PDB file of N, CA and C in Angstrom:
ATOM      1  N   MET A   1     -15.849 -17.045  12.953  1.00  0.00           N
ATOM      2  CA  MET A   1     -14.791 -16.046  12.876  1.00  0.00           C
ATOM      3  C   MET A   1     -15.304 -14.830  12.111  1.00  0.00           C
ATOM      4  N   THR A   2     -15.062 -13.662  12.638  1.00  0.00           N
ATOM      5  CA  THR A   2     -15.472 -12.429  11.983  1.00  0.00           C
ATOM      6  C   THR A   2     -14.605 -12.176  10.757  1.00  0.00           C
ATOM      7  N   GLU A   3     -15.234 -11.720   9.695  1.00  0.00           N
ATOM      8  CA  GLU A   3     -14.494 -11.401   8.471  1.00  0.00           C
ATOM      9  C   GLU A   3     -13.537 -10.239   8.750  1.00  0.00           C
ATOM     10  N   PRO A   4     -12.259 -10.366   8.411  1.00  0.00           N
ATOM     11  CA  PRO A   4     -11.310  -9.279   8.673  1.00  0.00           C
ATOM     12  C   PRO A   4     -11.616  -8.051   7.829  1.00  0.00           C
ATOM     13  N   ASP A   5     -11.279  -6.899   8.365  1.00  0.00           N
ATOM     14  CA  ASP A   5     -11.473  -5.621   7.685  1.00  0.00           C
ATOM     15  C   ASP A   5     -10.105  -5.172   7.175  1.00  0.00           C
ATOM     16  N   LEU A   6      -9.777  -5.590   5.939  1.00  0.00           N
ATOM     17  CA  LEU A   6      -8.456  -5.347   5.364  1.00  0.00           C
ATOM     18  C   LEU A   6      -8.514  -4.294   4.274  1.00  0.00           C
ATOM     19  N   GLU A   7      -7.459  -3.488   4.203  1.00  0.00           N
ATOM     20  CA  GLU A   7      -7.301  -2.499   3.138  1.00  0.00           C
ATOM     21  C   GLU A   7      -5.894  -2.646   2.573  1.00  0.00           C
ATOM     22  N   LEU A   8      -5.798  -2.567   1.239  1.00  0.00           N
ATOM     23  CA  LEU A   8      -4.498  -2.679   0.581  1.00  0.00           C
ATOM     24  C   LEU A   8      -4.279  -1.461  -0.302  1.00  0.00           C
ATOM     25  N   TYR A   9      -3.170  -0.780  -0.073  1.00  0.00           N
ATOM     26  CA  TYR A   9      -2.747   0.318  -0.948  1.00  0.00           C
ATOM     27  C   TYR A   9      -1.895  -0.303  -2.034  1.00  0.00           C
ATOM     28  N   ASP A  10      -2.297  -0.070  -3.292  1.00  0.00           N
ATOM     29  CA  ASP A  10      -1.843  -0.869  -4.417  1.00  0.00           C
ATOM     30  C   ASP A  10      -1.542   0.027  -5.609  1.00  0.00           C
ATOM     31  N   LEU A  11      -0.611  -0.423  -6.441  1.00  0.00           N
ATOM     32  CA  LEU A  11      -0.320   0.231  -7.722  1.00  0.00           C
ATOM     33  C   LEU A  11      -0.380  -0.840  -8.798  1.00  0.00           C
ATOM     34  N   PRO A  12      -1.276  -0.694  -9.784  1.00  0.00           N
ATOM     35  CA  PRO A  12      -1.356  -1.701 -10.851  1.00  0.00           C
ATOM     36  C   PRO A  12       0.000  -1.897 -11.535  1.00  0.00           C
ATOM     37  N   GLY A  13       0.352  -3.149 -11.748  1.00  0.00           N
ATOM     38  CA  GLY A  13       1.621  -3.465 -12.385  1.00  0.00           C
ATOM     39  C   GLY A  13       2.777  -3.629 -11.422  1.00  0.00           C
ATOM     40  N   CYS A  14       2.557  -3.346 -10.155  1.00  0.00           N
ATOM     41  CA  CYS A  14       3.608  -3.469  -9.143  1.00  0.00           C
ATOM     42  C   CYS A  14       3.749  -4.941  -8.755  1.00  0.00           C
ATOM     43  N   PRO A  15       4.927  -5.546  -8.975  1.00  0.00           N
ATOM     44  CA  PRO A  15       5.090  -6.976  -8.659  1.00  0.00           C
ATOM     45  C   PRO A  15       4.980  -7.272  -7.162  1.00  0.00           C
ATOM     46  N   PHE A  16       5.367  -6.332  -6.320  1.00  0.00           N
ATOM     47  CA  PHE A  16       5.282  -6.532  -4.874  1.00  0.00           C
ATOM     48  C   PHE A  16       3.828  -6.513  -4.420  1.00  0.00           C
ATOM     49  N   CYS A  17       3.033  -5.630  -5.033  1.00  0.00           N
ATOM     50  CA  CYS A  17       1.593  -5.592  -4.747  1.00  0.00           C
ATOM     51  C   CYS A  17       0.937  -6.880  -5.216  1.00  0.00           C
ATOM     52  N   ALA A  18       1.348  -7.372  -6.385  1.00  0.00           N
ATOM     53  CA  ALA A  18       0.783  -8.606  -6.943  1.00  0.00           C
ATOM     54  C   ALA A  18       1.038  -9.782  -6.000  1.00  0.00           C
ATOM     55  N   LYS A  19       2.223  -9.822  -5.383  1.00  0.00           N
ATOM     56  CA  LYS A  19       2.557 -10.897  -4.444  1.00  0.00           C
ATOM     57  C   LYS A  19       1.582 -10.892  -3.260  1.00  0.00           C
ATOM     58  N   VAL A  20       1.285  -9.699  -2.742  1.00  0.00           N
ATOM     59  CA  VAL A  20       0.363  -9.583  -1.609  1.00  0.00           C
ATOM     60  C   VAL A  20      -1.055  -9.958  -2.038  1.00  0.00           C
ATOM     61  N   LYS A  21      -1.471  -9.517  -3.225  1.00  0.00           N
ATOM     62  CA  LYS A  21      -2.821  -9.845  -3.705  1.00  0.00           C
ATOM     63  C   LYS A  21      -2.974 -11.354  -3.913  1.00  0.00           C
ATOM     64  N   ARG A  22      -1.915 -12.021  -4.383  1.00  0.00           N
ATOM     65  CA  ARG A  22      -1.962 -13.480  -4.528  1.00  0.00           C
ATOM     66  C   ARG A  22      -2.194 -14.155  -3.179  1.00  0.00           C
ATOM     67  N   LYS A  23      -1.513 -13.677  -2.144  1.00  0.00           N
ATOM     68  CA  LYS A  23      -1.677 -14.263  -0.806  1.00  0.00           C
ATOM     69  C   LYS A  23      -3.083 -13.989  -0.277  1.00  0.00           C
ATOM     70  N   LEU A  24      -3.589 -12.793  -0.472  1.00  0.00           N
ATOM     71  CA  LEU A  24      -4.962 -12.477  -0.048  1.00  0.00           C
ATOM     72  C   LEU A  24      -5.962 -13.401  -0.739  1.00  0.00           C
ATOM     73  N   ASP A  25      -5.767 -13.612  -2.037  1.00  0.00           N
ATOM     74  CA  ASP A  25      -6.665 -14.495  -2.794  1.00  0.00           C
ATOM     75  C   ASP A  25      -6.521 -15.946  -2.343  1.00  0.00           C
ATOM     76  N   GLU A  26      -5.278 -16.365  -2.114  1.00  0.00           N
ATOM     77  CA  GLU A  26      -5.009 -17.736  -1.673  1.00  0.00           C
ATOM     78  C   GLU A  26      -5.715 -18.030  -0.351  1.00  0.00           C
ATOM     79  N   LEU A  27      -5.735 -17.035   0.544  1.00  0.00           N
ATOM     80  CA  LEU A  27      -6.373 -17.196   1.843  1.00  0.00           C
ATOM     81  C   LEU A  27      -7.868 -16.861   1.789  1.00  0.00           C
ATOM     82  N   ASP A  28      -8.343 -16.491   0.589  1.00  0.00           N
ATOM     83  CA  ASP A  28      -9.756 -16.168   0.374  1.00  0.00           C
ATOM     84  C   ASP A  28     -10.215 -15.034   1.289  1.00  0.00           C
ATOM     85  N   LEU A  29      -9.386 -13.991   1.369  1.00  0.00           N
ATOM     86  CA  LEU A  29      -9.676 -12.831   2.206  1.00  0.00           C
ATOM     87  C   LEU A  29     -10.201 -11.684   1.349  1.00  0.00           C
ATOM     88  N   GLU A  30     -11.285 -11.093   1.785  1.00  0.00           N
ATOM     89  CA  GLU A  30     -11.806  -9.912   1.104  1.00  0.00           C
ATOM     90  C   GLU A  30     -11.047  -8.692   1.619  1.00  0.00           C
ATOM     91  N   TYR A  31     -10.869  -7.716   0.736  1.00  0.00           N
ATOM     92  CA  TYR A  31     -10.153  -6.501   1.122  1.00  0.00           C
ATOM     93  C   TYR A  31     -10.605  -5.343   0.252  1.00  0.00           C
ATOM     94  N   THR A  32     -10.397  -4.153   0.764  1.00  0.00           N
ATOM     95  CA  THR A  32     -10.655  -2.934   0.018  1.00  0.00           C
ATOM     96  C   THR A  32      -9.348  -2.491  -0.600  1.00  0.00           C
ATOM     97  N   LYS A  33      -9.385  -2.239  -1.905  1.00  0.00           N
ATOM     98  CA  LYS A  33      -8.163  -1.832  -2.604  1.00  0.00           C
ATOM     99  C   LYS A  33      -8.188  -0.317  -2.806  1.00  0.00           C
ATOM    100  N   HIS A  34      -7.081   0.330  -2.455  1.00  0.00           N
ATOM    101  CA  HIS A  34      -6.895   1.757  -2.692  1.00  0.00           C
ATOM    102  C   HIS A  34      -5.774   1.893  -3.722  1.00  0.00           C
ATOM    103  N   GLU A  35      -6.118   2.308  -4.919  1.00  0.00           N
ATOM    104  CA  GLU A  35      -5.117   2.473  -5.967  1.00  0.00           C
ATOM    105  C   GLU A  35      -4.411   3.811  -5.769  1.00  0.00           C
ATOM    106  N   VAL A  36      -3.086   3.761  -5.684  1.00  0.00           N
ATOM    107  CA  VAL A  36      -2.311   4.983  -5.451  1.00  0.00           C
ATOM    108  C   VAL A  36      -1.815   5.542  -6.774  1.00  0.00           C
ATOM    109  N   PRO A  37      -1.549   6.850  -6.825  1.00  0.00           N
ATOM    110  CA  PRO A  37      -0.995   7.447  -8.047  1.00  0.00           C
ATOM    111  C   PRO A  37       0.399   6.897  -8.340  1.00  0.00           C
ATOM    112  N   ARG A  38       0.780   6.922  -9.609  1.00  0.00           N
ATOM    113  CA  ARG A  38       2.100   6.443 -10.013  1.00  0.00           C
ATOM    114  C   ARG A  38       3.208   7.323  -9.409  1.00  0.00           C
ATOM    115  N   SER A  39       2.964   8.611  -9.332  1.00  0.00           N
ATOM    116  CA  SER A  39       3.965   9.548  -8.811  1.00  0.00           C
ATOM    117  C   SER A  39       4.015   9.496  -7.280  1.00  0.00           C
ATOM    118  N   HIS A  40       5.214   9.259  -6.745  1.00  0.00           N
ATOM    119  CA  HIS A  40       5.380   9.199  -5.287  1.00  0.00           C
ATOM    120  C   HIS A  40       4.933  10.494  -4.625  1.00  0.00           C
ATOM    121  N   SER A  41       5.161  11.632  -5.268  1.00  0.00           N
ATOM    122  CA  SER A  41       4.823  12.914  -4.654  1.00  0.00           C
ATOM    123  C   SER A  41       3.311  13.098  -4.488  1.00  0.00           C
ATOM    124  N   GLU A  42       2.518  12.315  -5.199  1.00  0.00           N
ATOM    125  CA  GLU A  42       1.056  12.415  -5.099  1.00  0.00           C
ATOM    126  C   GLU A  42       0.451  11.367  -4.166  1.00  0.00           C
ATOM    127  N   ARG A  43       1.279  10.565  -3.544  1.00  0.00           N
ATOM    128  CA  ARG A  43       0.777   9.480  -2.699  1.00  0.00           C
ATOM    129  C   ARG A  43       0.574   9.923  -1.252  1.00  0.00           C
ATOM    130  N   THR A  44      -0.144  11.000  -1.061  1.00  0.00           N
ATOM    131  CA  THR A  44      -0.332  11.543   0.286  1.00  0.00           C
ATOM    132  C   THR A  44      -1.168  10.617   1.168  1.00  0.00           C
ATOM    133  N   GLU A  45      -2.149   9.924   0.573  1.00  0.00           N
ATOM    134  CA  GLU A  45      -3.012   9.047   1.376  1.00  0.00           C
ATOM    135  C   GLU A  45      -2.213   7.896   1.993  1.00  0.00           C
ATOM    136  N   VAL A  46      -1.392   7.233   1.176  1.00  0.00           N
ATOM    137  CA  VAL A  46      -0.605   6.115   1.705  1.00  0.00           C
ATOM    138  C   VAL A  46       0.476   6.628   2.664  1.00  0.00           C
ATOM    139  N   GLU A  47       0.987   7.811   2.422  1.00  0.00           N
ATOM    140  CA  GLU A  47       1.981   8.389   3.340  1.00  0.00           C
ATOM    141  C   GLU A  47       1.348   8.691   4.695  1.00  0.00           C
ATOM    142  N   ASP A  48       0.099   9.177   4.695  1.00  0.00           N
ATOM    143  CA  ASP A  48      -0.603   9.434   5.952  1.00  0.00           C
ATOM    144  C   ASP A  48      -0.794   8.149   6.756  1.00  0.00           C
ATOM    145  N   VAL A  49      -1.032   7.053   6.063  1.00  0.00           N
ATOM    146  CA  VAL A  49      -1.295   5.771   6.713  1.00  0.00           C
ATOM    147  C   VAL A  49      -0.016   5.114   7.222  1.00  0.00           C
ATOM    148  N   SER A  50       1.048   5.158   6.397  1.00  0.00           N
ATOM    149  CA  SER A  50       2.235   4.363   6.710  1.00  0.00           C
ATOM    150  C   SER A  50       3.496   5.167   6.995  1.00  0.00           C
ATOM    151  N   GLY A  51       3.478   6.461   6.729  1.00  0.00           N
ATOM    152  CA  GLY A  51       4.672   7.270   6.944  1.00  0.00           C
ATOM    153  C   GLY A  51       5.658   7.223   5.793  1.00  0.00           C
ATOM    154  N   GLN A  52       5.297   6.520   4.699  1.00  0.00           N
ATOM    155  CA  GLN A  52       6.163   6.447   3.516  1.00  0.00           C
ATOM    156  C   GLN A  52       5.275   6.321   2.277  1.00  0.00           C
ATOM    157  N   THR A  53       5.887   6.412   1.098  1.00  0.00           N
ATOM    158  CA  THR A  53       5.094   6.435  -0.134  1.00  0.00           C
ATOM    159  C   THR A  53       5.178   5.160  -0.951  1.00  0.00           C
ATOM    160  N   ASN A  54       5.927   4.176  -0.482  1.00  0.00           N
ATOM    161  CA  ASN A  54       6.033   2.914  -1.223  1.00  0.00           C
ATOM    162  C   ASN A  54       4.783   2.062  -1.018  1.00  0.00           C
ATOM    163  N   VAL A  55       4.499   1.218  -1.989  1.00  0.00           N
ATOM    164  CA  VAL A  55       3.423   0.247  -1.870  1.00  0.00           C
ATOM    165  C   VAL A  55       4.012  -1.134  -2.136  1.00  0.00           C
ATOM    166  N   PRO A  56       3.394  -2.183  -1.665  1.00  0.00           N
ATOM    167  CA  PRO A  56       2.093  -2.223  -1.013  1.00  0.00           C
ATOM    168  C   PRO A  56       2.159  -1.815   0.459  1.00  0.00           C
ATOM    169  N   VAL A  57       0.989  -1.414   0.955  1.00  0.00           N
ATOM    170  CA  VAL A  57       0.801  -1.136   2.372  1.00  0.00           C
ATOM    171  C   VAL A  57      -0.516  -1.792   2.776  1.00  0.00           C
ATOM    172  N   LEU A  58      -0.485  -2.518   3.884  1.00  0.00           N
ATOM    173  CA  LEU A  58      -1.673  -3.201   4.380  1.00  0.00           C
ATOM    174  C   LEU A  58      -2.169  -2.534   5.655  1.00  0.00           C
ATOM    175  N   VAL A  59      -3.487  -2.369   5.737  1.00  0.00           N
ATOM    176  CA  VAL A  59      -4.148  -1.940   6.960  1.00  0.00           C
ATOM    177  C   VAL A  59      -5.085  -3.078   7.355  1.00  0.00           C
ATOM    178  N   ASP A  60      -4.987  -3.528   8.602  1.00  0.00           N
ATOM    179  CA  ASP A  60      -5.885  -4.554   9.126  1.00  0.00           C
ATOM    180  C   ASP A  60      -6.599  -3.952  10.332  1.00  0.00           C
ATOM    181  N   ASN A  61      -7.782  -3.401  10.058  1.00  0.00           N
ATOM    182  CA  ASN A  61      -8.540  -2.732  11.118  1.00  0.00           C
ATOM    183  C   ASN A  61      -8.994  -3.702  12.203  1.00  0.00           C
ATOM    184  N   THR A  62      -9.149  -4.967  11.869  1.00  0.00           N
ATOM    185  CA  THR A  62      -9.571  -5.977  12.838  1.00  0.00           C
ATOM    186  C   THR A  62      -8.520  -6.163  13.925  1.00  0.00           C
ATOM    187  N   ASN A  63      -7.237  -6.081  13.542  1.00  0.00           N
ATOM    188  CA  ASN A  63      -6.142  -6.325  14.481  1.00  0.00           C
ATOM    189  C   ASN A  63      -5.299  -5.088  14.761  1.00  0.00           C
ATOM    190  N   ASP A  64      -5.857  -3.908  14.484  1.00  0.00           N
ATOM    191  CA  ASP A  64      -5.171  -2.636  14.759  1.00  0.00           C
ATOM    192  C   ASP A  64      -3.806  -2.522  14.100  1.00  0.00           C
ATOM    193  N   VAL A  65      -3.692  -3.029  12.869  1.00  0.00           N
ATOM    194  CA  VAL A  65      -2.465  -2.868  12.090  1.00  0.00           C
ATOM    195  C   VAL A  65      -2.680  -1.664  11.177  1.00  0.00           C
ATOM    196  N   GLU A  66      -1.913  -0.619  11.412  1.00  0.00           N
ATOM    197  CA  GLU A  66      -2.086   0.621  10.661  1.00  0.00           C
ATOM    198  C   GLU A  66      -0.885   0.853   9.766  1.00  0.00           C
ATOM    199  N   GLY A  67      -0.995   0.479   8.510  1.00  0.00           N
ATOM    200  CA  GLY A  67       0.037   0.827   7.549  1.00  0.00           C
ATOM    201  C   GLY A  67       1.267  -0.042   7.581  1.00  0.00           C
ATOM    202  N   MET A  68       1.108  -1.355   7.401  1.00  0.00           N
ATOM    203  CA  MET A  68       2.258  -2.258   7.343  1.00  0.00           C
ATOM    204  C   MET A  68       2.848  -2.242   5.930  1.00  0.00           C
ATOM    205  N   PRO A  69       4.125  -1.835   5.776  1.00  0.00           N
ATOM    206  CA  PRO A  69       4.770  -1.856   4.463  1.00  0.00           C
ATOM    207  C   PRO A  69       5.512  -3.175   4.237  1.00  0.00           C
ATOM    208  N   GLU A  70       6.137  -3.307   3.077  1.00  0.00           N
ATOM    209  CA  GLU A  70       7.006  -4.439   2.708  1.00  0.00           C
ATOM    210  C   GLU A  70       6.209  -5.705   2.421  1.00  0.00           C
ATOM    211  N   SER A  71       6.212  -6.100   1.161  1.00  0.00           N
ATOM    212  CA  SER A  71       5.409  -7.244   0.713  1.00  0.00           C
ATOM    213  C   SER A  71       5.740  -8.531   1.472  1.00  0.00           C
ATOM    214  N   ASP A  72       7.009  -8.818   1.721  1.00  0.00           N
ATOM    215  CA  ASP A  72       7.367 -10.048   2.431  1.00  0.00           C
ATOM    216  C   ASP A  72       6.800 -10.049   3.849  1.00  0.00           C
ATOM    217  N   ASP A  73       6.857  -8.893   4.522  1.00  0.00           N
ATOM    218  CA  ASP A  73       6.308  -8.780   5.872  1.00  0.00           C
ATOM    219  C   ASP A  73       4.790  -8.956   5.850  1.00  0.00           C
ATOM    220  N   ILE A  74       4.144  -8.367   4.847  1.00  0.00           N
ATOM    221  CA  ILE A  74       2.684  -8.467   4.742  1.00  0.00           C
ATOM    222  C   ILE A  74       2.269  -9.912   4.500  1.00  0.00           C
ATOM    223  N   VAL A  75       2.939 -10.587   3.564  1.00  0.00           N
ATOM    224  CA  VAL A  75       2.610 -11.984   3.253  1.00  0.00           C
ATOM    225  C   VAL A  75       2.796 -12.855   4.505  1.00  0.00           C
ATOM    226  N   ALA A  76       3.892 -12.664   5.223  1.00  0.00           N
ATOM    227  CA  ALA A  76       4.140 -13.444   6.440  1.00  0.00           C
ATOM    228  C   ALA A  76       3.068 -13.155   7.491  1.00  0.00           C
ATOM    229  N   TYR A  77       2.693 -11.896   7.627  1.00  0.00           N
ATOM    230  CA  TYR A  77       1.647 -11.511   8.583  1.00  0.00           C
ATOM    231  C   TYR A  77       0.314 -12.163   8.225  1.00  0.00           C
ATOM    232  N   LEU A  78      -0.060 -12.100   6.950  1.00  0.00           N
ATOM    233  CA  LEU A  78      -1.338 -12.683   6.517  1.00  0.00           C
ATOM    234  C   LEU A  78      -1.354 -14.186   6.765  1.00  0.00           C
ATOM    235  N   GLU A  79      -0.251 -14.851   6.455  1.00  0.00           N
ATOM    236  CA  GLU A  79      -0.166 -16.299   6.660  1.00  0.00           C
ATOM    237  C   GLU A  79      -0.286 -16.637   8.140  1.00  0.00           C
ATOM    238  N   LYS A  80       0.446 -15.893   8.965  1.00  0.00           N
ATOM    239  CA  LYS A  80       0.432 -16.160  10.405  1.00  0.00           C
ATOM    240  C   LYS A  80      -0.937 -15.844  11.011  1.00  0.00           C
ATOM    241  N   THR A  81      -1.521 -14.740  10.599  1.00  0.00           N
ATOM    242  CA  THR A  81      -2.756 -14.276  11.219  1.00  0.00           C
ATOM    243  C   THR A  81      -3.991 -14.993  10.688  1.00  0.00           C
ATOM    244  N   TYR A  82      -4.032 -15.228   9.389  1.00  0.00           N
ATOM    245  CA  TYR A  82      -5.247 -15.780   8.782  1.00  0.00           C
ATOM    246  C   TYR A  82      -5.078 -17.184   8.213  1.00  0.00           C
ATOM    247  N   GLY A  83      -3.848 -17.595   7.934  1.00  0.00           N
ATOM    248  CA  GLY A  83      -3.618 -18.923   7.389  1.00  0.00           C
ATOM    249  C   GLY A  83      -3.967 -20.023   8.377  1.00  0.00           C
ATOM    250  N   GLN A  84      -3.485 -19.891   9.602  1.00  0.00           N
ATOM    251  CA  GLN A  84      -3.747 -20.895  10.636  1.00  0.00           C
ATOM    252  C   GLN A  84      -5.220 -20.932  11.012  1.00  0.00           C
ATOM    253  N   GLN A  85      -5.845 -19.765  11.112  1.00  0.00           N
ATOM    254  CA  GLN A  85      -7.265 -19.711  11.459  1.00  0.00           C
ATOM    255  C   GLN A  85      -8.104 -20.392  10.389  1.00  0.00           C
ATOM    256  N   ALA A  86      -7.730 -20.181   9.124  1.00  0.00           N
ATOM    257  CA  ALA A  86      -8.481 -20.790   8.026  1.00  0.00           C
ATOM    258  C   ALA A  86      -8.364 -22.297   8.104  1.00  0.00           C
ATOM    259  N   GLU A  87      -7.169 -22.807   8.390  1.00  0.00           N
ATOM    260  CA  GLU A  87      -6.965 -24.256   8.492  1.00  0.00           C
ATOM    261  C   GLU A  87      -7.748 -24.819   9.689  1.00  0.00           C
ATOM    262  N   THR A  88      -7.718 -24.111  10.799  1.00  0.00           N
ATOM    263  CA  THR A  88      -8.425 -24.559  11.994  1.00  0.00           C
ATOM    264  C   THR A  88      -9.937 -24.567  11.764  1.00  0.00           C
ATOM    265  N   ALA A  89     -10.453 -23.542  11.095  1.00  0.00           N
ATOM    266  CA  ALA A  89     -11.883 -23.438  10.844  1.00  0.00           C
ATOM    267  C   ALA A  89     -12.358 -24.566   9.908  1.00  0.00           C
ATOM    268  N   ASP A  90     -11.508 -24.939   8.949  1.00  0.00           N
ATOM    269  CA  ASP A  90     -11.889 -25.984   8.003  1.00  0.00           C
ATOM    270  C   ASP A  90     -11.831 -27.378   8.623  1.00  0.00           C
ATOM    271  N   GLY A  91     -10.909 -27.585   9.537  1.00  0.00           N
ATOM    272  CA  GLY A  91     -10.684 -28.931   9.994  1.00  0.00           C
ATOM    273  C   GLY A  91     -11.104 -29.136  11.383  1.00  0.00           C
TER     274      GLY A  91
END
């Protein structure tokens, strides 16, 4: 299986970002972290990717996912996309 090309837009101290990072770590997935500014008005990079300024935002270049917001949606996506593959590869 090819290693996924994941990017996470993150703000240190954000509990929603922490939830996504825990899932990434649990699934042993490598990712590129983009730390966003604390001020929403300065978050132009994440806005360009997702159309909004909230974090976390996930980009999965392997599966053409461009700017998925909402931590619960991201966690469910990671589990569905990479959780089953990891179990299948191990067993």
